[in-house]
Amino acid sequence: MKPLIVLTLLAIVASLGKALFSMSSGPEHAARVVQALSWRIGLSVALFLSVLLSYHFGLISPHLLR
């Protein structure tokens, strides 16, 4: 489960980078910015739901700080 979380976080950062690059390229690339940010939102929601469901089904468990 941890590799999936890390890969999803990396994909979110990559999507943000793509949006930043598209935004800095000029206003003619507005559609690419919207698409990259939409992917970021979708990946973030998917990550959040997968962490919640993994906790619910016991695939991951929290640990206490000592």
PDB file of N, CA and C in Angstrom:
ATOM      1  N   MET A   1       0.819  -1.191   0.000  1.00  0.00           N
ATOM      2  CA  MET A   1       0.000   0.000   0.000  1.00  0.00           C
ATOM      3  C   MET A   1       0.866   1.259   0.000  1.00  0.00           C
ATOM      4  N   LYS A   2       1.992   1.216   0.709  1.00  0.00           N
ATOM      5  CA  LYS A   2       2.845   2.398   0.777  1.00  0.00           C
ATOM      6  C   LYS A   2       3.399   2.804  -0.590  1.00  0.00           C
ATOM      7  N   PRO A   3       3.834   1.854  -1.422  1.00  0.00           N
ATOM      8  CA  PRO A   3       4.312   2.272  -2.751  1.00  0.00           C
ATOM      9  C   PRO A   3       3.226   2.947  -3.593  1.00  0.00           C
ATOM     10  N   LEU A   4       1.989   2.484  -3.456  1.00  0.00           N
ATOM     11  CA  LEU A   4       0.886   3.102  -4.186  1.00  0.00           C
ATOM     12  C   LEU A   4       0.674   4.547  -3.735  1.00  0.00           C
ATOM     13  N   ILE A   5       0.775   4.780  -2.440  1.00  0.00           N
ATOM     14  CA  ILE A   5       0.623   6.131  -1.908  1.00  0.00           C
ATOM     15  C   ILE A   5       1.748   7.031  -2.414  1.00  0.00           C
ATOM     16  N   VAL A   6       2.965   6.528  -2.390  1.00  0.00           N
ATOM     17  CA  VAL A   6       4.106   7.322  -2.849  1.00  0.00           C
ATOM     18  C   VAL A   6       3.992   7.616  -4.341  1.00  0.00           C
ATOM     19  N   LEU A   7       3.606   6.632  -5.135  1.00  0.00           N
ATOM     20  CA  LEU A   7       3.449   6.850  -6.573  1.00  0.00           C
ATOM     21  C   LEU A   7       2.350   7.865  -6.869  1.00  0.00           C
ATOM     22  N   THR A   8       1.267   7.802  -6.127  1.00  0.00           N
ATOM     23  CA  THR A   8       0.186   8.758  -6.322  1.00  0.00           C
ATOM     24  C   THR A   8       0.631  10.171  -5.945  1.00  0.00           C
ATOM     25  N   LEU A   9       1.379  10.299  -4.860  1.00  0.00           N
ATOM     26  CA  LEU A   9       1.898  11.616  -4.484  1.00  0.00           C
ATOM     27  C   LEU A   9       2.842  12.158  -5.547  1.00  0.00           C
ATOM     28  N   LEU A  10       3.689  11.304  -6.107  1.00  0.00           N
ATOM     29  CA  LEU A  10       4.582  11.733  -7.178  1.00  0.00           C
ATOM     30  C   LEU A  10       3.801  12.154  -8.428  1.00  0.00           C
ATOM     31  N   ALA A  11       2.728  11.441  -8.727  1.00  0.00           N
ATOM     32  CA  ALA A  11       1.898  11.806  -9.881  1.00  0.00           C
ATOM     33  C   ALA A  11       1.213  13.151  -9.649  1.00  0.00           C
ATOM     34  N   ILE A  12       0.810  13.425  -8.412  1.00  0.00           N
ATOM     35  CA  ILE A  12       0.200  14.708  -8.085  1.00  0.00           C
ATOM     36  C   ILE A  12       1.213  15.837  -8.281  1.00  0.00           C
ATOM     37  N   VAL A  13       2.430  15.635  -7.807  1.00  0.00           N
ATOM     38  CA  VAL A  13       3.474  16.659  -7.968  1.00  0.00           C
ATOM     39  C   VAL A  13       3.811  16.840  -9.450  1.00  0.00           C
ATOM     40  N   ALA A  14       3.862  15.758 -10.197  1.00  0.00           N
ATOM     41  CA  ALA A  14       4.138  15.859 -11.638  1.00  0.00           C
ATOM     42  C   ALA A  14       3.032  16.630 -12.355  1.00  0.00           C
ATOM     43  N   SER A  15       1.795  16.404 -11.956  1.00  0.00           N
ATOM     44  CA  SER A  15       0.682  17.125 -12.553  1.00  0.00           C
ATOM     45  C   SER A  15       0.760  18.614 -12.237  1.00  0.00           C
ATOM     46  N   LEU A  16       1.159  18.934 -11.019  1.00  0.00           N
ATOM     47  CA  LEU A  16       1.346  20.346 -10.669  1.00  0.00           C
ATOM     48  C   LEU A  16       2.468  20.965 -11.488  1.00  0.00           C
ATOM     49  N   GLY A  17       3.549  20.227 -11.682  1.00  0.00           N
ATOM     50  CA  GLY A  17       4.647  20.718 -12.496  1.00  0.00           C
ATOM     51  C   GLY A  17       4.238  20.940 -13.940  1.00  0.00           C
ATOM     52  N   LYS A  18       3.440  20.022 -14.473  1.00  0.00           N
ATOM     53  CA  LYS A  18       2.957  20.171 -15.842  1.00  0.00           C
ATOM     54  C   LYS A  18       2.066  21.393 -15.970  1.00  0.00           C
ATOM     55  N   ALA A  19       1.213  21.630 -14.986  1.00  0.00           N
ATOM     56  CA  ALA A  19       0.346  22.804 -15.008  1.00  0.00           C
ATOM     57  C   ALA A  19       1.171  24.087 -14.927  1.00  0.00           C
ATOM     58  N   LEU A  20       2.199  24.086 -14.084  1.00  0.00           N
ATOM     59  CA  LEU A  20       3.054  25.259 -13.967  1.00  0.00           C
ATOM     60  C   LEU A  20       3.778  25.547 -15.278  1.00  0.00           C
ATOM     61  N   PHE A  21       4.311  24.505 -15.904  1.00  0.00           N
ATOM     62  CA  PHE A  21       4.997  24.683 -17.180  1.00  0.00           C
ATOM     63  C   PHE A  21       4.040  25.195 -18.249  1.00  0.00           C
ATOM     64  N   SER A  22       2.832  24.628 -18.294  1.00  0.00           N
ATOM     65  CA  SER A  22       1.848  25.064 -19.284  1.00  0.00           C
ATOM     66  C   SER A  22       1.415  26.504 -19.028  1.00  0.00           C
ATOM     67  N   MET A  23       1.285  26.864 -17.764  1.00  0.00           N
ATOM     68  CA  MET A  23       0.860  28.214 -17.420  1.00  0.00           C
ATOM     69  C   MET A  23       1.939  29.234 -17.784  1.00  0.00           C
ATOM     70  N   SER A  24       3.187  28.859 -17.621  1.00  0.00           N
ATOM     71  CA  SER A  24       4.274  29.779 -17.937  1.00  0.00           C
ATOM     72  C   SER A  24       4.533  29.874 -19.444  1.00  0.00           C
ATOM     73  N   SER A  25       3.979  28.940 -20.217  1.00  0.00           N
ATOM     74  CA  SER A  25       4.169  28.959 -21.662  1.00  0.00           C
ATOM     75  C   SER A  25       3.318  30.010 -22.352  1.00  0.00           C
ATOM     76  N   GLY A  26       2.298  30.500 -21.693  1.00  0.00           N
ATOM     77  CA  GLY A  26       1.469  31.546 -22.264  1.00  0.00           C
ATOM     78  C   GLY A  26      -0.008  31.220 -22.183  1.00  0.00           C
ATOM     79  N   PRO A  27      -0.822  32.226 -22.469  1.00  0.00           N
ATOM     80  CA  PRO A  27      -2.274  32.046 -22.334  1.00  0.00           C
ATOM     81  C   PRO A  27      -2.891  31.097 -23.361  1.00  0.00           C
ATOM     82  N   GLU A  28      -2.175  30.785 -24.429  1.00  0.00           N
ATOM     83  CA  GLU A  28      -2.743  29.883 -25.436  1.00  0.00           C
ATOM     84  C   GLU A  28      -2.786  28.435 -24.951  1.00  0.00           C
ATOM     85  N   HIS A  29      -2.159  28.148 -23.815  1.00  0.00           N
ATOM     86  CA  HIS A  29      -2.143  26.786 -23.272  1.00  0.00           C
ATOM     87  C   HIS A  29      -3.057  26.641 -22.059  1.00  0.00           C
ATOM     88  N   ALA A  30      -4.095  27.444 -21.990  1.00  0.00           N
ATOM     89  CA  ALA A  30      -5.000  27.420 -20.839  1.00  0.00           C
ATOM     90  C   ALA A  30      -5.712  26.071 -20.702  1.00  0.00           C
ATOM     91  N   ALA A  31      -6.033  25.451 -21.817  1.00  0.00           N
ATOM     92  CA  ALA A  31      -6.733  24.160 -21.759  1.00  0.00           C
ATOM     93  C   ALA A  31      -5.839  23.091 -21.130  1.00  0.00           C
ATOM     94  N   ARG A  32      -4.537  23.135 -21.417  1.00  0.00           N
ATOM     95  CA  ARG A  32      -3.611  22.161 -20.819  1.00  0.00           C
ATOM     96  C   ARG A  32      -3.471  22.391 -19.325  1.00  0.00           C
ATOM     97  N   VAL A  33      -3.521  23.647 -18.895  1.00  0.00           N
ATOM     98  CA  VAL A  33      -3.450  23.954 -17.460  1.00  0.00           C
ATOM     99  C   VAL A  33      -4.658  23.379 -16.753  1.00  0.00           C
ATOM    100  N   VAL A  34      -5.830  23.606 -17.330  1.00  0.00           N
ATOM    101  CA  VAL A  34      -7.070  23.098 -16.724  1.00  0.00           C
ATOM    102  C   VAL A  34      -7.050  21.579 -16.675  1.00  0.00           C
ATOM    103  N   GLN A  35      -6.575  20.946 -17.724  1.00  0.00           N
ATOM    104  CA  GLN A  35      -6.524  19.481 -17.750  1.00  0.00           C
ATOM    105  C   GLN A  35      -5.557  18.948 -16.697  1.00  0.00           C
ATOM    106  N   ALA A  36      -4.388  19.560 -16.565  1.00  0.00           N
ATOM    107  CA  ALA A  36      -3.406  19.101 -15.575  1.00  0.00           C
ATOM    108  C   ALA A  36      -3.929  19.292 -14.157  1.00  0.00           C
ATOM    109  N   LEU A  37      -4.583  20.422 -13.908  1.00  0.00           N
ATOM    110  CA  LEU A  37      -5.120  20.653 -12.563  1.00  0.00           C
ATOM    111  C   LEU A  37      -6.313  19.745 -12.268  1.00  0.00           C
ATOM    112  N   SER A  38      -7.076  19.407 -13.295  1.00  0.00           N
ATOM    113  CA  SER A  38      -8.176  18.451 -13.106  1.00  0.00           C
ATOM    114  C   SER A  38      -7.636  17.072 -12.741  1.00  0.00           C
ATOM    115  N   TRP A  39      -6.539  16.670 -13.392  1.00  0.00           N
ATOM    116  CA  TRP A  39      -5.894  15.402 -13.032  1.00  0.00           C
ATOM    117  C   TRP A  39      -5.422  15.438 -11.590  1.00  0.00           C
ATOM    118  N   ARG A  40      -4.854  16.568 -11.171  1.00  0.00           N
ATOM    119  CA  ARG A  40      -4.362  16.689  -9.801  1.00  0.00           C
ATOM    120  C   ARG A  40      -5.498  16.535  -8.802  1.00  0.00           C
ATOM    121  N   ILE A  41      -6.625  17.156  -9.075  1.00  0.00           N
ATOM    122  CA  ILE A  41      -7.772  17.046  -8.183  1.00  0.00           C
ATOM    123  C   ILE A  41      -8.260  15.607  -8.127  1.00  0.00           C
ATOM    124  N   GLY A  42      -8.362  14.966  -9.287  1.00  0.00           N
ATOM    125  CA  GLY A  42      -8.812  13.572  -9.322  1.00  0.00           C
ATOM    126  C   GLY A  42      -7.870  12.638  -8.584  1.00  0.00           C
ATOM    127  N   LEU A  43      -6.572  12.832  -8.768  1.00  0.00           N
ATOM    128  CA  LEU A  43      -5.600  11.994  -8.062  1.00  0.00           C
ATOM    129  C   LEU A  43      -5.639  12.231  -6.559  1.00  0.00           C
ATOM    130  N   SER A  44      -5.825  13.480  -6.148  1.00  0.00           N
ATOM    131  CA  SER A  44      -5.893  13.789  -4.720  1.00  0.00           C
ATOM    132  C   SER A  44      -7.112  13.142  -4.070  1.00  0.00           C
ATOM    133  N   VAL A  45      -8.240  13.214  -4.746  1.00  0.00           N
ATOM    134  CA  VAL A  45      -9.461  12.591  -4.213  1.00  0.00           C
ATOM    135  C   VAL A  45      -9.293  11.074  -4.165  1.00  0.00           C
ATOM    136  N   ALA A  46      -8.721  10.499  -5.204  1.00  0.00           N
ATOM    137  CA  ALA A  46      -8.500   9.044  -5.227  1.00  0.00           C
ATOM    138  C   ALA A  46      -7.553   8.615  -4.113  1.00  0.00           C
ATOM    139  N   LEU A  47      -6.497   9.390  -3.879  1.00  0.00           N
ATOM    140  CA  LEU A  47      -5.559   9.073  -2.798  1.00  0.00           C
ATOM    141  C   LEU A  47      -6.247   9.144  -1.449  1.00  0.00           C
ATOM    142  N   PHE A  48      -7.018  10.190  -1.232  1.00  0.00           N
ATOM    143  CA  PHE A  48      -7.728  10.354   0.034  1.00  0.00           C
ATOM    144  C   PHE A  48      -8.690   9.189   0.282  1.00  0.00           C
ATOM    145  N   LEU A  49      -9.460   8.828  -0.736  1.00  0.00           N
ATOM    146  CA  LEU A  49     -10.407   7.718  -0.580  1.00  0.00           C
ATOM    147  C   LEU A  49      -9.697   6.389  -0.381  1.00  0.00           C
ATOM    148  N   SER A  50      -8.587   6.183  -1.073  1.00  0.00           N
ATOM    149  CA  SER A  50      -7.878   4.917  -0.903  1.00  0.00           C
ATOM    150  C   SER A  50      -7.262   4.804   0.493  1.00  0.00           C
ATOM    151  N   VAL A  51      -6.784   5.917   1.040  1.00  0.00           N
ATOM    152  CA  VAL A  51      -6.250   5.872   2.409  1.00  0.00           C
ATOM    153  C   VAL A  51      -7.375   5.601   3.400  1.00  0.00           C
ATOM    154  N   LEU A  52      -8.519   6.251   3.225  1.00  0.00           N
ATOM    155  CA  LEU A  52      -9.653   5.998   4.123  1.00  0.00           C
ATOM    156  C   LEU A  52     -10.131   4.547   4.043  1.00  0.00           C
ATOM    157  N   LEU A  53     -10.267   4.029   2.839  1.00  0.00           N
ATOM    158  CA  LEU A  53     -10.726   2.646   2.690  1.00  0.00           C
ATOM    159  C   LEU A  53      -9.688   1.650   3.187  1.00  0.00           C
ATOM    160  N   SER A  54      -8.426   1.931   2.981  1.00  0.00           N
ATOM    161  CA  SER A  54      -7.373   1.046   3.483  1.00  0.00           C
ATOM    162  C   SER A  54      -7.381   0.991   5.002  1.00  0.00           C
ATOM    163  N   TYR A  55      -7.594   2.118   5.631  1.00  0.00           N
ATOM    164  CA  TYR A  55      -7.684   2.137   7.088  1.00  0.00           C
ATOM    165  C   TYR A  55      -8.924   1.376   7.548  1.00  0.00           C
ATOM    166  N   HIS A  56     -10.029   1.597   6.869  1.00  0.00           N
ATOM    167  CA  HIS A  56     -11.284   0.931   7.245  1.00  0.00           C
ATOM    168  C   HIS A  56     -11.172  -0.595   7.153  1.00  0.00           C
ATOM    169  N   PHE A  57     -10.513  -1.083   6.130  1.00  0.00           N
ATOM    170  CA  PHE A  57     -10.386  -2.528   5.937  1.00  0.00           C
ATOM    171  C   PHE A  57      -9.151  -3.121   6.595  1.00  0.00           C
ATOM    172  N   GLY A  58      -8.395  -2.310   7.318  1.00  0.00           N
ATOM    173  CA  GLY A  58      -7.268  -2.812   8.088  1.00  0.00           C
ATOM    174  C   GLY A  58      -5.987  -3.024   7.307  1.00  0.00           C
ATOM    175  N   LEU A  59      -5.901  -2.475   6.109  1.00  0.00           N
ATOM    176  CA  LEU A  59      -4.684  -2.630   5.325  1.00  0.00           C
ATOM    177  C   LEU A  59      -3.565  -1.735   5.838  1.00  0.00           C
ATOM    178  N   ILE A  60      -3.918  -0.635   6.423  1.00  0.00           N
ATOM    179  CA  ILE A  60      -2.947   0.257   7.058  1.00  0.00           C
ATOM    180  C   ILE A  60      -3.449   0.574   8.455  1.00  0.00           C
ATOM    181  N   SER A  61      -2.553   0.884   9.333  1.00  0.00           N
ATOM    182  CA  SER A  61      -2.944   1.240  10.695  1.00  0.00           C
ATOM    183  C   SER A  61      -2.081   2.409  11.186  1.00  0.00           C
ATOM    184  N   PRO A  62      -2.671   3.283  11.978  1.00  0.00           N
ATOM    185  CA  PRO A  62      -1.892   4.417  12.488  1.00  0.00           C
ATOM    186  C   PRO A  62      -0.952   3.933  13.592  1.00  0.00           C
ATOM    187  N   HIS A  63       0.102   4.677  13.801  1.00  0.00           N
ATOM    188  CA  HIS A  63       1.016   4.371  14.896  1.00  0.00           C
ATOM    189  C   HIS A  63       1.146   5.620  15.761  1.00  0.00           C
ATOM    190  N   LEU A  64       1.341   5.398  17.029  1.00  0.00           N
ATOM    191  CA  LEU A  64       1.441   6.501  17.970  1.00  0.00           C
ATOM    192  C   LEU A  64       2.871   6.998  18.043  1.00  0.00           C
ATOM    193  N   LEU A  65       3.016   8.287  18.237  1.00  0.00           N
ATOM    194  CA  LEU A  65       4.344   8.843  18.454  1.00  0.00           C
ATOM    195  C   LEU A  65       4.709   8.656  19.913  1.00  0.00           C
ATOM    196  N   ARG A  66       5.922   8.285  20.155  1.00  0.00           N
ATOM    197  CA  ARG A  66       6.328   8.070  21.546  1.00  0.00           C
ATOM    198  C   ARG A  66       7.248   9.147  22.015  1.00  0.00           C
TER     199      ARG A  66
END
